[in-house]
Amino acid sequence: TAYRLRGDEDAPLVCLLHGGTVASFGWYHVAPALAGAGYRVLQFDWLGRGDSQRVWRGHTLAGYLRQFDQLLSYLNLRGPLNLVGVSMGGLLAAAH
């Protein structure tokens, strides 16, 4: 999973969940603005999109949620999550 994590480790965490057609680069202006406002910001690409691996499995709601949870675990991000999603990312934020 391609990702970018920025901001202070102790800051509140915001996870930016992109939609199905525009990868995490769609948050190009939003992510640094949030980090500058005092948030820790995670932006990443869903499997098969952006710079993440192209795979032919896991393109289901459960698969994307599993990818997100595995990324959070890998990065050791715990505690309250502020989820911001657009399009498909909004669905995944609501389902999380």
Protein backbone atom coordinates (compact mmCIF):
# COMPACT_ATOMS: atom_id res chain seq x y z
CA THR A 1 0.00 0.00 0.00
CA ALA A 2 1.44 3.34 -1.03
CA TYR A 3 0.97 5.91 1.73
CA ARG A 4 2.17 9.21 3.12
CA LEU A 5 2.03 10.08 6.80
CA ARG A 6 2.77 13.61 7.91
CA GLY A 7 2.42 15.76 10.98
CA ASP A 8 3.31 15.45 14.65
CA GLU A 9 3.00 11.97 16.19
CA ASP A 10 0.98 13.33 19.10
CA ALA A 11 -1.48 15.28 16.95
CA PRO A 12 -5.04 14.07 16.29
CA LEU A 13 -5.07 11.64 13.36
CA VAL A 14 -6.99 12.35 10.15
CA CYS A 15 -7.23 9.58 7.54
CA LEU A 16 -8.06 10.73 4.01
CA LEU A 17 -9.96 8.09 2.03
CA HIS A 18 -10.06 8.76 -1.69
CA GLY A 19 -12.71 7.67 -4.15
CA GLY A 20 -12.67 5.04 -6.84
CA THR A 21 -11.31 7.10 -9.72
CA VAL A 22 -9.04 9.74 -8.17
CA ALA A 23 -6.25 8.29 -6.01
CA SER A 24 -4.69 9.92 -2.96
CA PHE A 25 -3.19 12.70 -5.10
CA GLY A 26 -6.70 14.16 -5.01
CA TRP A 27 -5.87 15.29 -1.47
CA TYR A 28 -2.82 17.20 -2.79
CA HIS A 29 -3.81 20.52 -1.19
CA VAL A 30 -5.85 19.18 1.70
CA ALA A 31 -3.24 16.95 3.38
CA PRO A 32 -0.54 19.60 3.88
CA ALA A 33 -3.13 22.14 5.00
CA LEU A 34 -4.41 19.74 7.66
CA ALA A 35 -0.86 18.93 8.80
CA GLY A 36 -0.14 22.65 8.98
CA ALA A 37 -3.26 23.11 11.10
CA GLY A 38 -1.92 20.66 13.69
CA TYR A 39 -3.19 17.24 12.55
CA ARG A 40 -1.35 14.05 11.79
CA VAL A 41 -2.49 13.09 8.30
CA LEU A 42 -2.55 9.71 6.59
CA GLN A 43 -3.23 9.57 2.88
CA PHE A 44 -2.87 6.34 0.96
CA ASP A 45 -3.94 4.56 -2.21
CA TRP A 46 -6.42 1.72 -2.21
CA LEU A 47 -5.19 -1.46 -3.86
CA GLY A 48 -5.35 -1.19 -7.63
CA ARG A 49 -5.28 2.61 -7.54
CA GLY A 50 -2.60 5.29 -7.55
CA ASP A 51 0.80 3.93 -6.55
CA SER A 52 -0.49 0.88 -4.67
CA GLN A 53 -0.05 -2.62 -5.98
CA ARG A 54 -2.23 -3.78 -8.86
CA VAL A 55 -4.01 -6.90 -7.69
CA TRP A 56 -7.01 -8.77 -9.03
CA ARG A 57 -8.49 -9.66 -5.67
CA GLY A 58 -9.77 -7.78 -2.65
CA HIS A 59 -11.84 -5.24 -4.58
CA THR A 60 -14.75 -5.57 -2.20
CA LEU A 61 -15.94 -3.53 0.75
CA ALA A 62 -14.48 -6.14 3.11
CA GLY A 63 -11.20 -6.23 1.16
CA TYR A 64 -10.70 -2.46 1.28
CA LEU A 65 -11.58 -2.33 4.98
CA ARG A 66 -9.06 -5.12 5.61
CA GLN A 67 -6.40 -3.17 3.69
CA PHE A 68 -7.11 -0.05 5.76
CA ASP A 69 -7.00 -1.92 9.07
CA GLN A 70 -3.76 -3.67 8.08
CA LEU A 71 -2.18 -0.33 7.16
CA LEU A 72 -3.21 1.19 10.50
CA SER A 73 -1.72 -1.82 12.27
CA TYR A 74 1.50 -1.71 10.22
CA LEU A 75 1.95 1.98 11.05
CA ASN A 76 1.00 1.36 14.70
CA LEU A 77 -1.72 4.02 14.54
CA ARG A 78 -4.09 3.61 17.44
CA GLY A 79 -6.68 5.70 19.16
CA PRO A 80 -9.38 7.92 17.76
CA LEU A 81 -9.55 8.21 13.98
CA ASN A 82 -10.99 11.15 12.10
CA LEU A 83 -12.06 9.71 8.76
CA VAL A 84 -12.60 11.97 5.75
CA GLY A 85 -13.85 10.23 2.63
CA VAL A 86 -15.05 11.24 -0.78
CA SER A 87 -17.13 9.04 -3.08
CA MET A 88 -16.12 5.41 -2.47
CA GLY A 89 -13.95 6.66 0.41
CA GLY A 90 -17.05 8.07 2.06
CA LEU A 91 -18.70 4.66 1.91
CA LEU A 92 -15.62 3.04 3.41
CA ALA A 93 -15.41 5.69 6.15
CA ALA A 94 -19.05 5.05 7.07
CA ALA A 95 -18.50 1.29 7.03
CA HIS A 96 -15.43 1.48 9.25
